[in-house]
PDB file of N, CA and C in Angstrom:
ATOM      1  N   ALA A   1     -33.200   1.806 -35.797  1.00  0.00           N
ATOM      2  CA  ALA A   1     -32.015   1.003 -35.615  1.00  0.00           C
ATOM      3  C   ALA A   1     -31.013   1.700 -34.694  1.00  0.00           C
ATOM      4  N   GLU A   2     -30.929   3.026 -34.852  1.00  0.00           N
ATOM      5  CA  GLU A   2     -30.002   3.772 -33.995  1.00  0.00           C
ATOM      6  C   GLU A   2     -30.437   3.720 -32.534  1.00  0.00           C
ATOM      7  N   ARG A   3     -31.753   3.790 -32.319  1.00  0.00           N
ATOM      8  CA  ARG A   3     -32.270   3.707 -30.944  1.00  0.00           C
ATOM      9  C   ARG A   3     -31.922   2.365 -30.318  1.00  0.00           C
ATOM     10  N   MET A   4     -32.099   1.301 -31.093  1.00  0.00           N
ATOM     11  CA  MET A   4     -31.795  -0.037 -30.583  1.00  0.00           C
ATOM     12  C   MET A   4     -30.309  -0.165 -30.279  1.00  0.00           C
ATOM     13  N   GLN A   5     -29.502   0.402 -31.142  1.00  0.00           N
ATOM     14  CA  GLN A   5     -28.059   0.347 -30.939  1.00  0.00           C
ATOM     15  C   GLN A   5     -27.668   1.152 -29.698  1.00  0.00           C
ATOM     16  N   ALA A   6     -28.276   2.319 -29.520  1.00  0.00           N
ATOM     17  CA  ALA A   6     -27.987   3.151 -28.348  1.00  0.00           C
ATOM     18  C   ALA A   6     -28.442   2.445 -27.075  1.00  0.00           C
ATOM     19  N   ARG A   7     -29.621   1.828 -27.129  1.00  0.00           N
ATOM     20  CA  ARG A   7     -30.148   1.107 -25.969  1.00  0.00           C
ATOM     21  C   ARG A   7     -29.254  -0.090 -25.631  1.00  0.00           C
ATOM     22  N   ALA A   8     -28.797  -0.789 -26.648  1.00  0.00           N
ATOM     23  CA  ALA A   8     -27.911  -1.940 -26.435  1.00  0.00           C
ATOM     24  C   ALA A   8     -26.585  -1.486 -25.833  1.00  0.00           C
ATOM     25  N   ALA A   9     -26.071  -0.365 -26.315  1.00  0.00           N
ATOM     26  CA  ALA A   9     -24.817   0.164 -25.765  1.00  0.00           C
ATOM     27  C   ALA A   9     -24.998   0.564 -24.305  1.00  0.00           C
ATOM     28  N   GLN A  10     -26.130   1.179 -24.002  1.00  0.00           N
ATOM     29  CA  GLN A  10     -26.402   1.583 -22.621  1.00  0.00           C
ATOM     30  C   GLN A  10     -26.558   0.352 -21.727  1.00  0.00           C
ATOM     31  N   ASN A  11     -27.254  -0.655 -22.202  1.00  0.00           N
ATOM     32  CA  ASN A  11     -27.417  -1.894 -21.432  1.00  0.00           C
ATOM     33  C   ASN A  11     -26.067  -2.561 -21.187  1.00  0.00           C
ATOM     34  N   LEU A  12     -25.210  -2.530 -22.201  1.00  0.00           N
ATOM     35  CA  LEU A  12     -23.879  -3.104 -22.060  1.00  0.00           C
ATOM     36  C   LEU A  12     -23.070  -2.335 -21.014  1.00  0.00           C
ATOM     37  N   GLU A  13     -23.142  -1.010 -21.065  1.00  0.00           N
ATOM     38  CA  GLU A  13     -22.438  -0.186 -20.073  1.00  0.00           C
ATOM     39  C   GLU A  13     -22.924  -0.492 -18.663  1.00  0.00           C
ATOM     40  N   THR A  14     -24.227  -0.617 -18.512  1.00  0.00           N
ATOM     41  CA  THR A  14     -24.808  -0.919 -17.206  1.00  0.00           C
ATOM     42  C   THR A  14     -24.339  -2.287 -16.716  1.00  0.00           C
ATOM     43  N   ALA A  15     -24.338  -3.266 -17.597  1.00  0.00           N
ATOM     44  CA  ALA A  15     -23.904  -4.616 -17.217  1.00  0.00           C
ATOM     45  C   ALA A  15     -22.428  -4.629 -16.837  1.00  0.00           C
ATOM     46  N   VAL A  16     -21.604  -3.915 -17.589  1.00  0.00           N
ATOM     47  CA  VAL A  16     -20.170  -3.857 -17.288  1.00  0.00           C
ATOM     48  C   VAL A  16     -19.943  -3.164 -15.946  1.00  0.00           C
ATOM     49  N   ALA A  17     -20.663  -2.071 -15.704  1.00  0.00           N
ATOM     50  CA  ALA A  17     -20.525  -1.352 -14.432  1.00  0.00           C
ATOM     51  C   ALA A  17     -20.946  -2.236 -13.263  1.00  0.00           C
ATOM     52  N   LEU A  18     -22.014  -3.001 -13.439  1.00  0.00           N
ATOM     53  CA  LEU A  18     -22.481  -3.900 -12.387  1.00  0.00           C
ATOM     54  C   LEU A  18     -21.444  -4.983 -12.101  1.00  0.00           C
ATOM     55  N   ARG A  19     -20.900  -5.574 -13.130  1.00  0.00           N
ATOM     56  CA  ARG A  19     -19.874  -6.617 -12.936  1.00  0.00           C
ATOM     57  C   ARG A  19     -18.616  -6.043 -12.300  1.00  0.00           C
ATOM     58  N   GLU A  20     -18.273  -4.826 -12.688  1.00  0.00           N
ATOM     59  CA  GLU A  20     -17.101  -4.187 -12.088  1.00  0.00           C
ATOM     60  C   GLU A  20     -17.324  -3.967 -10.591  1.00  0.00           C
ATOM     61  N   GLN A  21     -18.515  -3.502 -10.224  1.00  0.00           N
ATOM     62  CA  GLN A  21     -18.820  -3.283  -8.810  1.00  0.00           C
ATOM     63  C   GLN A  21     -18.824  -4.602  -8.045  1.00  0.00           C
ATOM     64  N   GLN A  22     -19.361  -5.649  -8.657  1.00  0.00           N
ATOM     65  CA  GLN A  22     -19.359  -6.958  -8.010  1.00  0.00           C
ATOM     66  C   GLN A  22     -17.929  -7.451  -7.789  1.00  0.00           C
ATOM     67  N   ALA A  23     -17.072  -7.233  -8.767  1.00  0.00           N
ATOM     68  CA  ALA A  23     -15.667  -7.642  -8.628  1.00  0.00           C
ATOM     69  C   ALA A  23     -14.991  -6.853  -7.513  1.00  0.00           C
ATOM     70  N   LEU A  24     -15.254  -5.551  -7.452  1.00  0.00           N
ATOM     71  CA  LEU A  24     -14.675  -4.725  -6.389  1.00  0.00           C
ATOM     72  C   LEU A  24     -15.172  -5.170  -5.015  1.00  0.00           C
ATOM     73  N   ASP A  25     -16.447  -5.533  -4.932  1.00  0.00           N
ATOM     74  CA  ASP A  25     -17.001  -6.025  -3.663  1.00  0.00           C
ATOM     75  C   ASP A  25     -16.330  -7.330  -3.243  1.00  0.00           C
ATOM     76  N   ARG A  26     -16.125  -8.238  -4.203  1.00  0.00           N
ATOM     77  CA  ARG A  26     -15.465  -9.511  -3.883  1.00  0.00           C
ATOM     78  C   ARG A  26     -14.025  -9.274  -3.432  1.00  0.00           C
ATOM     79  N   ILE A  27     -13.342  -8.336  -4.073  1.00  0.00           N
ATOM     80  CA  ILE A  27     -11.969  -8.012  -3.675  1.00  0.00           C
ATOM     81  C   ILE A  27     -11.955  -7.467  -2.255  1.00  0.00           C
ATOM     82  N   ALA A  28     -12.879  -6.568  -1.945  1.00  0.00           N
ATOM     83  CA  ALA A  28     -12.943  -5.993  -0.596  1.00  0.00           C
ATOM     84  C   ALA A  28     -13.227  -7.074   0.442  1.00  0.00           C
ATOM     85  N   GLN A  29     -14.123  -8.001   0.126  1.00  0.00           N
ATOM     86  CA  GLN A  29     -14.428  -9.096   1.051  1.00  0.00           C
ATOM     87  C   GLN A  29     -13.203  -9.980   1.258  1.00  0.00           C
ATOM     88  N   SER A  30     -12.486 -10.258   0.190  1.00  0.00           N
ATOM     89  CA  SER A  30     -11.279 -11.086   0.302  1.00  0.00           C
ATOM     90  C   SER A  30     -10.212 -10.394   1.132  1.00  0.00           C
ATOM     91  N   GLU A  31     -10.056  -9.090   0.934  1.00  0.00           N
ATOM     92  CA  GLU A  31      -9.078  -8.335   1.721  1.00  0.00           C
ATOM     93  C   GLU A  31      -9.445  -8.360   3.202  1.00  0.00           C
ATOM     94  N   ALA A  32     -10.728  -8.172   3.500  1.00  0.00           N
ATOM     95  CA  ALA A  32     -11.175  -8.189   4.895  1.00  0.00           C
ATOM     96  C   ALA A  32     -10.947  -9.566   5.517  1.00  0.00           C
ATOM     97  N   ALA A  33     -11.236 -10.619   4.773  1.00  0.00           N
ATOM     98  CA  ALA A  33     -11.035 -11.976   5.291  1.00  0.00           C
ATOM     99  C   ALA A  33      -9.553 -12.251   5.532  1.00  0.00           C
ATOM    100  N   ALA A  34      -8.707 -11.804   4.616  1.00  0.00           N
ATOM    101  CA  ALA A  34      -7.262 -12.014   4.780  1.00  0.00           C
ATOM    102  C   ALA A  34      -6.734 -11.238   5.981  1.00  0.00           C
ATOM    103  N   THR A  35      -7.202 -10.016   6.151  1.00  0.00           N
ATOM    104  CA  THR A  35      -6.784  -9.205   7.295  1.00  0.00           C
ATOM    105  C   THR A  35      -7.196  -9.868   8.600  1.00  0.00           C
ATOM    106  N   LYS A  36      -8.424 -10.379   8.651  1.00  0.00           N
ATOM    107  CA  LYS A  36      -8.901 -11.056   9.864  1.00  0.00           C
ATOM    108  C   LYS A  36      -8.077 -12.308  10.135  1.00  0.00           C
ATOM    109  N   GLU A  37      -7.771 -13.054   9.095  1.00  0.00           N
ATOM    110  CA  GLU A  37      -6.988 -14.278   9.269  1.00  0.00           C
ATOM    111  C   GLU A  37      -5.593 -13.964   9.816  1.00  0.00           C
ATOM    112  N   VAL A  38      -4.966 -12.926   9.284  1.00  0.00           N
ATOM    113  CA  VAL A  38      -3.635 -12.535   9.767  1.00  0.00           C
ATOM    114  C   VAL A  38      -3.718 -12.082  11.221  1.00  0.00           C
ATOM    115  N   ARG A  39      -4.727 -11.277  11.543  1.00  0.00           N
ATOM    116  CA  ARG A  39      -4.891 -10.805  12.917  1.00  0.00           C
ATOM    117  C   ARG A  39      -5.129 -11.976  13.871  1.00  0.00           C
ATOM    118  N   ASP A  40      -5.996 -12.887  13.485  1.00  0.00           N
ATOM    119  CA  ASP A  40      -6.282 -14.049  14.329  1.00  0.00           C
ATOM    120  C   ASP A  40      -5.032 -14.904  14.541  1.00  0.00           C
ATOM    121  N   THR A  41      -4.252 -15.074  13.488  1.00  0.00           N
ATOM    122  CA  THR A  41      -3.014 -15.843  13.609  1.00  0.00           C
ATOM    123  C   THR A  41      -2.033 -15.145  14.543  1.00  0.00           C
ATOM    124  N   ALA A  42      -1.925 -13.831  14.422  1.00  0.00           N
ATOM    125  CA  ALA A  42      -1.028 -13.072  15.305  1.00  0.00           C
ATOM    126  C   ALA A  42      -1.465 -13.197  16.760  1.00  0.00           C
ATOM    127  N   VAL A  43      -2.763 -13.161  16.999  1.00  0.00           N
ATOM    128  CA  VAL A  43      -3.280 -13.321  18.363  1.00  0.00           C
ATOM    129  C   VAL A  43      -2.942 -14.709  18.886  1.00  0.00           C
ATOM    130  N   ASP A  44      -3.148 -15.730  18.063  1.00  0.00           N
ATOM    131  CA  ASP A  44      -2.843 -17.103  18.482  1.00  0.00           C
ATOM    132  C   ASP A  44      -1.363 -17.281  18.808  1.00  0.00           C
ATOM    133  N   VAL A  45      -0.498 -16.699  17.981  1.00  0.00           N
ATOM    134  CA  VAL A  45       0.944 -16.797  18.227  1.00  0.00           C
ATOM    135  C   VAL A  45       1.307 -16.077  19.523  1.00  0.00           C
ATOM    136  N   ALA A  46       0.749 -14.895  19.723  1.00  0.00           N
ATOM    137  CA  ALA A  46       1.032 -14.141  20.944  1.00  0.00           C
ATOM    138  C   ALA A  46       0.551 -14.895  22.181  1.00  0.00           C
ATOM    139  N   LEU A  47      -0.614 -15.516  22.085  1.00  0.00           N
ATOM    140  CA  LEU A  47      -1.133 -16.285  23.219  1.00  0.00           C
ATOM    141  C   LEU A  47      -0.250 -17.492  23.524  1.00  0.00           C
ATOM    142  N   SER A  48       0.192 -18.164  22.494  1.00  0.00           N
ATOM    143  CA  SER A  48       1.071 -19.319  22.705  1.00  0.00           C
ATOM    144  C   SER A  48       2.379 -18.901  23.357  1.00  0.00           C
ATOM    145  N   ALA A  49       2.935 -17.800  22.892  1.00  0.00           N
ATOM    146  CA  ALA A  49       4.182 -17.304  23.477  1.00  0.00           C
ATOM    147  C   ALA A  49       3.971 -16.889  24.927  1.00  0.00           C
ATOM    148  N   THR A  50       2.853 -16.252  25.208  1.00  0.00           N
ATOM    149  CA  THR A  50       2.551 -15.837  26.580  1.00  0.00           C
ATOM    150  C   THR A  50       2.392 -17.044  27.490  1.00  0.00           C
ATOM    151  N   ARG A  51       1.670 -18.048  27.004  1.00  0.00           N
ATOM    152  CA  ARG A  51       1.519 -19.281  27.795  1.00  0.00           C
ATOM    153  C   ARG A  51       2.885 -19.880  28.125  1.00  0.00           C
ATOM    154  N   ALA A  52       3.726 -19.984  27.108  1.00  0.00           N
ATOM    155  CA  ALA A  52       5.049 -20.587  27.307  1.00  0.00           C
ATOM    156  C   ALA A  52       5.870 -19.778  28.304  1.00  0.00           C
ATOM    157  N   LEU A  53       5.857 -18.470  28.183  1.00  0.00           N
ATOM    158  CA  LEU A  53       6.612 -17.621  29.113  1.00  0.00           C
ATOM    159  C   LEU A  53       6.087 -17.738  30.536  1.00  0.00           C
ATOM    160  N   LEU A  54       4.766 -17.734  30.682  1.00  0.00           N
ATOM    161  CA  LEU A  54       4.198 -17.839  32.028  1.00  0.00           C
ATOM    162  C   LEU A  54       4.517 -19.187  32.661  1.00  0.00           C
ATOM    163  N   ARG A  55       4.396 -20.240  31.890  1.00  0.00           N
ATOM    164  CA  ARG A  55       4.722 -21.562  32.437  1.00  0.00           C
ATOM    165  C   ARG A  55       6.186 -21.614  32.871  1.00  0.00           C
ATOM    166  N   GLU A  56       7.035 -21.021  32.059  1.00  0.00           N
ATOM    167  CA  GLU A  56       8.465 -21.030  32.346  1.00  0.00           C
ATOM    168  C   GLU A  56       8.794 -20.189  33.578  1.00  0.00           C
ATOM    169  N   GLN A  57       8.173 -19.036  33.700  1.00  0.00           N
ATOM    170  CA  GLN A  57       8.512 -18.111  34.780  1.00  0.00           C
ATOM    171  C   GLN A  57       7.759 -18.395  36.072  1.00  0.00           C
ATOM    172  N   VAL A  58       6.512 -18.841  35.968  1.00  0.00           N
ATOM    173  CA  VAL A  58       5.695 -19.063  37.164  1.00  0.00           C
ATOM    174  C   VAL A  58       5.930 -20.447  37.735  1.00  0.00           C
ATOM    175  N   GLY A  59       6.172 -21.396  36.874  1.00  0.00           N
ATOM    176  CA  GLY A  59       6.359 -22.763  37.347  1.00  0.00           C
ATOM    177  C   GLY A  59       5.030 -23.478  37.460  1.00  0.00           C
ATOM    178  N   SER A  60       5.046 -24.571  38.187  1.00  0.00           N
ATOM    179  CA  SER A  60       3.824 -25.360  38.304  1.00  0.00           C
ATOM    180  C   SER A  60       3.031 -24.919  39.519  1.00  0.00           C
ATOM    181  N   GLY A  61       1.887 -25.551  39.703  1.00  0.00           N
ATOM    182  CA  GLY A  61       1.062 -25.239  40.862  1.00  0.00           C
ATOM    183  C   GLY A  61      -0.125 -24.376  40.490  1.00  0.00           C
ATOM    184  N   ARG A  62      -0.742 -23.841  41.532  1.00  0.00           N
ATOM    185  CA  ARG A  62      -1.964 -23.056  41.352  1.00  0.00           C
ATOM    186  C   ARG A  62      -1.712 -21.775  40.558  1.00  0.00           C
ATOM    187  N   SER A  63      -0.566 -21.176  40.696  1.00  0.00           N
ATOM    188  CA  SER A  63      -0.269 -19.952  39.953  1.00  0.00           C
ATOM    189  C   SER A  63      -0.326 -20.207  38.452  1.00  0.00           C
ATOM    190  N   ALA A  64       0.229 -21.313  38.029  1.00  0.00           N
ATOM    191  CA  ALA A  64       0.206 -21.656  36.607  1.00  0.00           C
ATOM    192  C   ALA A  64      -1.219 -21.912  36.145  1.00  0.00           C
ATOM    193  N   ALA A  65      -2.004 -22.581  36.975  1.00  0.00           N
ATOM    194  CA  ALA A  65      -3.394 -22.869  36.618  1.00  0.00           C
ATOM    195  C   ALA A  65      -4.181 -21.572  36.471  1.00  0.00           C
ATOM    196  N   LEU A  66      -3.970 -20.634  37.383  1.00  0.00           N
ATOM    197  CA  LEU A  66      -4.661 -19.348  37.286  1.00  0.00           C
ATOM    198  C   LEU A  66      -4.251 -18.606  36.016  1.00  0.00           C
ATOM    199  N   GLY A  67      -2.977 -18.638  35.716  1.00  0.00           N
ATOM    200  CA  GLY A  67      -2.504 -17.992  34.493  1.00  0.00           C
ATOM    201  C   GLY A  67      -3.098 -18.633  33.256  1.00  0.00           C
ATOM    202  N   ASP A  68      -3.162 -19.958  33.246  1.00  0.00           N
ATOM    203  CA  ASP A  68      -3.744 -20.667  32.105  1.00  0.00           C
ATOM    204  C   ASP A  68      -5.222 -20.324  31.942  1.00  0.00           C
ATOM    205  N   GLU A  69      -5.923 -20.218  33.061  1.00  0.00           N
ATOM    206  CA  GLU A  69      -7.340 -19.857  32.992  1.00  0.00           C
ATOM    207  C   GLU A  69      -7.517 -18.468  32.402  1.00  0.00           C
ATOM    208  N   ALA A  70      -6.700 -17.528  32.858  1.00  0.00           N
ATOM    209  CA  ALA A  70      -6.792 -16.161  32.343  1.00  0.00           C
ATOM    210  C   ALA A  70      -6.439 -16.119  30.857  1.00  0.00           C
ATOM    211  N   ILE A  71      -5.414 -16.852  30.471  1.00  0.00           N
ATOM    212  CA  ILE A  71      -4.998 -16.871  29.068  1.00  0.00           C
ATOM    213  C   ILE A  71      -6.054 -17.558  28.211  1.00  0.00           C
ATOM    214  N   ALA A  72      -6.684 -18.586  28.746  1.00  0.00           N
ATOM    215  CA  ALA A  72      -7.709 -19.303  27.993  1.00  0.00           C
ATOM    216  C   ALA A  72      -8.879 -18.389  27.636  1.00  0.00           C
ATOM    217  N   GLU A  73      -9.135 -17.380  28.446  1.00  0.00           N
ATOM    218  CA  GLU A  73     -10.222 -16.443  28.172  1.00  0.00           C
ATOM    219  C   GLU A  73      -9.853 -15.426  27.095  1.00  0.00           C
ATOM    220  N   LEU A  74      -8.577 -15.196  26.871  1.00  0.00           N
ATOM    221  CA  LEU A  74      -8.149 -14.160  25.933  1.00  0.00           C
ATOM    222  C   LEU A  74      -8.646 -14.363  24.506  1.00  0.00           C
ATOM    223  N   PRO A  75      -8.570 -15.564  23.931  1.00  0.00           N
ATOM    224  CA  PRO A  75      -9.038 -15.700  22.548  1.00  0.00           C
ATOM    225  C   PRO A  75     -10.500 -15.277  22.382  1.00  0.00           C
ATOM    226  N   ARG A  76     -11.315 -15.629  23.352  1.00  0.00           N
ATOM    227  CA  ARG A  76     -12.729 -15.261  23.281  1.00  0.00           C
ATOM    228  C   ARG A  76     -12.879 -13.742  23.309  1.00  0.00           C
ATOM    229  N   ARG A  77     -12.047 -13.084  24.084  1.00  0.00           N
ATOM    230  CA  ARG A  77     -12.149 -11.633  24.210  1.00  0.00           C
ATOM    231  C   ARG A  77     -11.489 -10.892  23.056  1.00  0.00           C
ATOM    232  N   LEU A  78     -10.485 -11.496  22.438  1.00  0.00           N
ATOM    233  CA  LEU A  78      -9.741 -10.810  21.378  1.00  0.00           C
ATOM    234  C   LEU A  78     -10.278 -11.080  19.983  1.00  0.00           C
ATOM    235  N   HIS A  79     -10.983 -12.171  19.779  1.00  0.00           N
ATOM    236  CA  HIS A  79     -11.461 -12.505  18.424  1.00  0.00           C
ATOM    237  C   HIS A  79     -12.808 -11.924  18.179  1.00  0.00           C
TER     238      HIS A  79
END
């Protein structure tokens, strides 16, 4: 009976340790996803501000089109 009790206690410890590790892994994944989301949002905001500033300072015409083309490539390169 003592052996069975010891084995059951060990199995319980193993199961608890496994669940704890799974919870820690899920927390780490959530933190990484949140960090990426914040970074992506910051990049999007910076790109929008840059577009607005360039349009305002460069004006219309080919210069603006070139700037828009260059800015359009940034999300692909930054994400």
